[in-house]
Amino acid sequence: MQQIINFIIRNKNFLLFLLLFSISILFTIQSHSYHRSKFINSANFLSGGIYNSAHKISTYFNLKSQNQLLFEENKRLKSLLYNLENTGHFTYSDSLLLNKSYYFSNAQVIKNSYSATDNVLLINKGTNDSIQQDFGVITTKGIVGIVDKTSGNFANVISILNSTSSISAQLKKTSHYGSLTWDAKNPALVQLKDIPKIAKVLVGDTIVTSGQSSIFPKDIPIGVIENYNLDAAENYYEINVALFNDMTNLEYVYIIKNTNKPEITNLLNE
């Protein structure tokens, strides 16, 4: 306390000057509209900068939770979208989707390979989350692969970058469909085979899922035609498809369950 008093005594002239200067500024601001507006603008600029910086810091630390919220919303919207396309009814809300064919759940990729001939991914969902073999896996950009093996908390996914992978895909414009495979050369390109010669094929055309299987809904994006040529017999096209997905950089995925798959499989087996 004594130090504070001594400081005031030593600097009394300067402190008196600051006091009188502050009072004069206050009177000036109150009595002149121009000075008052300038002061308010300056104060707003300063406080706005502080609040903006604080908001950016807060937003940065909340990115993970915000991403999770967006992920959940995307899951809900995808479920709504593909079920509406499947049923043809556009008046249901998500909670009223009766006879819902496709259910979407989310997962995170915790291991990814893309340089081998037979690539697989590992996701952090398994049988404890009702994930089963032959469930489709996609991202917001396109298809990723098909669930192969599961444990309680994890699942292996056969990537589309796998020599054993074969997925039904089609030309979006003409609906001609064939088999999507991979030649194990380039992780950015897959091959679409068995497209008949009569189909109109153009570089840049979009390739989507055909809906011919019980795994993926129709019209999930895959990629665009990079180039193509006719096979030796010149009856079918061999098409290189540039993937929408960057298969070397996967983090969040959606898992698709087709509730009608057991019925479809049983009927086909009969």
Protein backbone atom coordinates (compact mmCIF):
# COMPACT_ATOMS: atom_id res chain seq x y z
CA MET A 1 0.00 0.00 0.00
CA GLN A 2 2.83 2.38 0.91
CA GLN A 3 4.46 1.69 -2.48
CA ILE A 4 1.27 2.70 -4.27
CA ILE A 5 1.07 5.93 -2.29
CA ASN A 6 4.73 6.69 -3.00
CA PHE A 7 4.15 6.03 -6.72
CA ILE A 8 1.24 8.48 -6.77
CA ILE A 9 3.26 11.14 -4.97
CA ARG A 10 6.23 10.72 -7.32
CA ASN A 11 4.05 10.91 -10.42
CA LYS A 12 1.35 13.27 -9.19
CA ASN A 13 1.95 15.84 -11.94
CA PHE A 14 1.77 13.26 -14.71
CA LEU A 15 -1.28 11.58 -13.21
CA LEU A 16 -3.01 14.96 -12.83
CA PHE A 17 -2.25 15.67 -16.48
CA LEU A 18 -3.76 12.34 -17.55
CA LEU A 19 -6.88 13.00 -15.47
CA LEU A 20 -7.41 16.49 -16.89
CA PHE A 21 -6.65 15.25 -20.41
CA SER A 22 -9.20 12.45 -20.10
CA ILE A 23 -11.84 14.86 -18.79
CA SER A 24 -11.21 17.26 -21.66
CA ILE A 25 -11.53 14.43 -24.21
CA LEU A 26 -14.77 13.32 -22.55
CA PHE A 27 -16.23 16.84 -22.72
CA THR A 28 -15.12 17.18 -26.34
CA ILE A 29 -16.78 13.90 -27.33
CA GLN A 30 -20.01 14.80 -25.52
CA SER A 31 -20.26 18.30 -26.98
CA HIS A 32 -19.27 17.60 -30.62
CA SER A 33 -21.18 15.06 -32.72
CA TYR A 34 -18.29 14.61 -35.16
CA HIS A 35 -15.84 13.64 -32.41
CA ARG A 36 -18.50 11.45 -30.77
CA SER A 37 -19.11 9.49 -34.00
CA LYS A 38 -15.37 9.03 -34.56
CA PHE A 39 -14.92 7.74 -31.02
CA ILE A 40 -17.82 5.28 -31.37
CA ASN A 41 -16.48 4.00 -34.69
CA SER A 42 -13.02 3.52 -33.22
CA ALA A 43 -14.42 1.73 -30.18
CA ASN A 44 -16.54 -0.52 -32.41
CA PHE A 45 -13.52 -1.31 -34.57
CA LEU A 46 -11.43 -2.22 -31.54
CA SER A 47 -14.10 -4.28 -29.79
CA GLY A 48 -15.10 -5.90 -33.10
CA GLY A 49 -11.52 -6.97 -33.70
CA ILE A 50 -11.26 -8.45 -30.23
CA TYR A 51 -14.57 -10.30 -30.52
CA ASN A 52 -13.66 -11.55 -34.00
CA SER A 53 -10.34 -12.94 -32.78
CA ALA A 54 -12.05 -14.59 -29.81
CA HIS A 55 -14.67 -16.07 -32.13
CA LYS A 56 -12.00 -17.50 -34.44
CA ILE A 57 -10.23 -19.13 -31.49
CA SER A 58 -13.50 -20.56 -30.18
CA THR A 59 -14.46 -21.79 -33.64
CA TYR A 60 -11.10 -23.53 -34.07
CA PHE A 61 -11.52 -25.51 -30.84
CA ASN A 62 -15.12 -26.37 -31.80
CA LEU A 63 -14.24 -27.67 -35.28
CA LYS A 64 -14.40 -31.32 -34.26
CA SER A 65 -17.87 -31.04 -32.74
CA GLN A 66 -19.11 -28.94 -35.67
CA ASN A 67 -17.77 -31.49 -38.15
CA GLN A 68 -19.57 -34.25 -36.28
CA LEU A 69 -22.84 -32.29 -36.42
CA LEU A 70 -22.42 -31.77 -40.16
CA PHE A 71 -21.59 -35.44 -40.57
CA GLU A 72 -24.79 -36.46 -38.78
CA GLU A 73 -26.83 -34.01 -40.86
CA ASN A 74 -25.33 -35.35 -44.08
CA LYS A 75 -26.20 -38.87 -42.97
CA ARG A 76 -29.80 -37.86 -42.39
CA LEU A 77 -30.05 -36.06 -45.72
CA LYS A 78 -28.52 -38.97 -47.64
CA SER A 79 -30.97 -41.35 -46.03
CA LEU A 80 -33.81 -39.06 -47.03
CA LEU A 81 -32.52 -38.51 -50.57
CA TYR A 82 -31.91 -42.10 -51.59
CA ASN A 83 -35.08 -43.39 -50.00
CA LEU A 84 -37.12 -40.74 -51.79
CA GLU A 85 -35.50 -41.75 -55.07
CA ASN A 86 -36.22 -45.36 -54.28
CA THR A 87 -39.89 -44.88 -53.38
CA GLY A 88 -40.77 -41.99 -55.67
CA HIS A 89 -42.57 -40.15 -52.84
CA PHE A 90 -41.42 -36.60 -52.14
CA THR A 91 -43.74 -35.61 -49.29
CA TYR A 92 -42.35 -37.67 -46.41
CA SER A 93 -40.22 -36.21 -43.69
CA ASP A 94 -37.29 -38.29 -42.48
CA SER A 95 -39.21 -39.55 -39.47
CA LEU A 96 -42.12 -40.62 -41.69
CA LEU A 97 -40.20 -42.71 -44.21
CA LEU A 98 -42.34 -45.83 -44.12
CA ASN A 99 -40.89 -48.94 -45.79
CA LYS A 100 -37.49 -47.31 -45.66
CA SER A 101 -35.05 -49.27 -47.85
CA TYR A 102 -31.70 -47.68 -47.06
CA TYR A 103 -30.23 -46.77 -43.69
CA PHE A 104 -27.05 -44.72 -43.38
CA SER A 105 -24.58 -44.78 -40.51
CA ASN A 106 -21.29 -42.94 -40.18
CA ALA A 107 -17.77 -44.17 -39.46
CA GLN A 108 -14.17 -43.03 -39.55
CA VAL A 109 -11.38 -44.58 -41.59
CA ILE A 110 -8.55 -45.55 -39.24
CA LYS A 111 -6.40 -47.43 -41.77
CA ASN A 112 -6.24 -47.00 -45.52
CA SER A 113 -4.15 -48.72 -48.19
CA TYR A 114 -4.12 -47.68 -51.84
CA SER A 115 -0.77 -48.78 -53.27
CA ALA A 116 -1.23 -52.56 -53.18
CA THR A 117 -3.06 -54.73 -55.69
CA ASP A 118 -5.79 -55.71 -53.22
CA ASN A 119 -6.41 -52.71 -51.01
CA VAL A 120 -8.58 -52.71 -47.90
CA LEU A 121 -9.68 -50.10 -45.39
CA LEU A 122 -10.36 -50.40 -41.68
CA ILE A 123 -13.25 -48.43 -40.16
CA ASN A 124 -14.15 -47.89 -36.50
CA LYS A 125 -17.61 -49.50 -36.62
CA GLY A 126 -18.52 -53.18 -36.40
CA THR A 127 -21.18 -55.64 -35.37
CA ASN A 128 -21.81 -53.71 -32.15
CA ASP A 129 -23.04 -50.92 -34.44
CA SER A 130 -25.10 -53.35 -36.58
CA ILE A 131 -22.52 -53.28 -39.40
CA GLN A 132 -22.50 -56.46 -41.48
CA GLN A 133 -20.78 -57.98 -44.47
CA ASP A 134 -21.76 -56.61 -47.92
CA PHE A 135 -22.81 -53.18 -46.65
CA GLY A 136 -21.85 -50.41 -49.08
CA VAL A 137 -19.40 -47.66 -48.05
CA ILE A 138 -19.38 -44.19 -49.59
CA THR A 139 -18.35 -40.59 -48.91
CA THR A 140 -20.06 -37.35 -49.84
CA LYS A 141 -18.16 -37.51 -53.16
CA GLY A 142 -18.73 -41.12 -54.19
CA ILE A 143 -18.31 -44.84 -53.52
CA VAL A 144 -15.45 -46.27 -51.46
CA GLY A 145 -16.04 -50.03 -51.29
CA ILE A 146 -17.94 -52.87 -49.64
CA VAL A 147 -17.73 -54.21 -46.06
CA ASP A 148 -16.00 -57.60 -46.06
CA LYS A 149 -15.23 -58.76 -42.51
CA THR A 150 -16.43 -57.40 -39.16
CA SER A 151 -15.56 -57.63 -35.47
CA GLY A 152 -17.32 -56.05 -32.54
CA ASN A 153 -15.94 -52.55 -33.04
CA PHE A 154 -14.24 -52.62 -36.45
CA ALA A 155 -14.79 -53.67 -40.04
CA ASN A 156 -12.64 -54.37 -43.09
CA VAL A 157 -13.78 -52.73 -46.30
CA ILE A 158 -12.77 -54.03 -49.73
CA SER A 159 -11.79 -50.86 -51.53
CA ILE A 160 -12.79 -50.20 -55.13
CA LEU A 161 -9.00 -50.18 -55.59
CA ASN A 162 -8.97 -53.95 -55.25
CA SER A 163 -8.47 -56.50 -58.03
CA THR A 164 -11.39 -58.57 -56.67
CA SER A 165 -13.81 -55.64 -56.60
CA SER A 166 -16.60 -55.58 -59.18
CA ILE A 167 -19.42 -53.05 -58.84
CA SER A 168 -22.34 -52.44 -61.16
CA ALA A 169 -22.07 -48.94 -62.66
CA GLN A 170 -23.65 -47.06 -65.53
CA LEU A 171 -23.42 -44.04 -67.79
CA LYS A 172 -25.59 -41.41 -66.16
CA LYS A 173 -26.85 -39.99 -69.47
CA THR A 174 -27.76 -43.24 -71.24
CA SER A 175 -28.19 -45.75 -68.36
CA HIS A 176 -26.03 -48.36 -70.15
CA TYR A 177 -24.37 -50.34 -67.38
CA GLY A 178 -21.36 -52.57 -66.91
CA SER A 179 -18.83 -53.71 -64.30
CA LEU A 180 -16.51 -51.34 -62.46
CA THR A 181 -13.11 -52.90 -61.77
CA TRP A 182 -9.52 -51.79 -61.11
CA ASP A 183 -6.38 -52.67 -63.05
CA ALA A 184 -4.08 -51.99 -60.05
CA LYS A 185 -2.17 -49.23 -61.85
CA ASN A 186 -3.46 -45.80 -60.83
CA PRO A 187 -5.40 -45.09 -57.57
CA ALA A 188 -7.16 -42.20 -59.30
CA LEU A 189 -8.54 -44.32 -62.18
CA VAL A 190 -10.85 -47.33 -62.29
CA GLN A 191 -12.17 -49.19 -65.33
CA LEU A 192 -15.74 -49.61 -66.53
CA LYS A 193 -16.18 -52.66 -68.76
CA ASP A 194 -18.95 -54.32 -70.77
CA ILE A 195 -20.53 -51.08 -71.99
CA PRO A 196 -21.99 -52.04 -75.43
CA LYS A 197 -20.79 -50.44 -78.63
CA ILE A 198 -24.22 -48.87 -79.27
CA ALA A 199 -23.90 -46.66 -76.16
CA LYS A 200 -22.97 -43.03 -76.73
CA VAL A 201 -19.74 -42.51 -74.78
CA LEU A 202 -18.12 -39.10 -74.34
CA VAL A 203 -15.09 -37.96 -72.36
CA GLY A 204 -16.30 -36.06 -69.28
CA ASP A 205 -19.57 -37.99 -68.94
CA THR A 206 -20.52 -38.92 -65.37
CA ILE A 207 -20.48 -42.53 -64.12
CA VAL A 208 -22.82 -43.52 -61.27
CA THR A 209 -23.99 -46.70 -59.54
CA SER A 210 -26.62 -48.55 -61.53
CA GLY A 211 -28.80 -49.81 -58.69
CA GLN A 212 -28.58 -53.29 -60.28
CA SER A 213 -27.10 -54.74 -57.08
CA SER A 214 -28.55 -54.92 -53.59
CA ILE A 215 -25.60 -53.04 -52.08
CA PHE A 216 -25.62 -49.50 -53.48
CA PRO A 217 -28.63 -47.32 -54.31
CA LYS A 218 -28.92 -46.01 -57.83
CA ASP A 219 -27.09 -42.82 -58.92
CA ILE A 220 -24.36 -42.62 -56.28
CA PRO A 221 -21.55 -40.70 -58.03
CA ILE A 222 -18.36 -42.51 -59.00
CA GLY A 223 -16.40 -40.33 -61.42
CA VAL A 224 -16.12 -39.06 -64.99
CA ILE A 225 -14.86 -40.68 -68.19
CA GLU A 226 -11.16 -39.95 -68.63
CA ASN A 227 -10.73 -41.86 -71.91
CA TYR A 228 -12.04 -44.98 -73.64
CA ASN A 229 -11.51 -47.43 -76.49
CA LEU A 230 -13.20 -50.44 -78.06
CA ASP A 231 -11.94 -53.91 -77.15
CA ALA A 232 -10.33 -56.28 -79.65
CA ALA A 233 -13.69 -57.59 -80.84
CA GLU A 234 -15.02 -54.01 -80.99
CA ASN A 235 -18.26 -54.95 -79.30
CA TYR A 236 -17.72 -53.34 -75.91
CA TYR A 237 -16.02 -50.23 -74.60
CA GLU A 238 -13.19 -50.25 -72.10
CA ILE A 239 -13.50 -46.98 -70.17
CA ASN A 240 -11.10 -45.31 -67.75
CA VAL A 241 -13.01 -43.47 -65.05
CA ALA A 242 -11.42 -40.65 -63.03
CA LEU A 243 -12.76 -41.02 -59.48
CA PHE A 244 -14.48 -38.16 -57.66
CA ASN A 245 -13.04 -39.53 -54.41
CA ASP A 246 -9.42 -39.06 -53.54
CA MET A 247 -8.85 -42.62 -52.36
CA THR A 248 -5.50 -41.66 -50.83
CA ASN A 249 -7.14 -39.23 -48.41
CA LEU A 250 -10.21 -40.73 -46.76
CA GLU A 251 -11.36 -39.88 -43.24
CA TYR A 252 -15.14 -39.98 -42.78
CA VAL A 253 -17.43 -42.42 -44.58
CA TYR A 254 -21.07 -43.48 -44.64
CA ILE A 255 -22.17 -47.10 -44.43
CA ILE A 256 -25.29 -48.16 -46.35
CA LYS A 257 -27.64 -50.89 -45.18
CA ASN A 258 -30.25 -52.14 -47.65
CA THR A 259 -33.07 -53.55 -45.56
CA ASN A 260 -34.47 -55.39 -48.59
CA LYS A 261 -31.22 -57.25 -49.30
CA PRO A 262 -32.13 -60.55 -47.52
CA GLU A 263 -35.40 -60.76 -49.43
CA ILE A 264 -33.69 -59.98 -52.75
CA THR A 265 -30.91 -62.52 -52.09
CA ASN A 266 -33.34 -65.26 -51.16
CA LEU A 267 -35.41 -64.63 -54.28
CA LEU A 268 -32.35 -64.70 -56.55
CA ASN A 269 -31.10 -67.91 -54.91
CA GLU A 270 -34.42 -69.59 -55.55
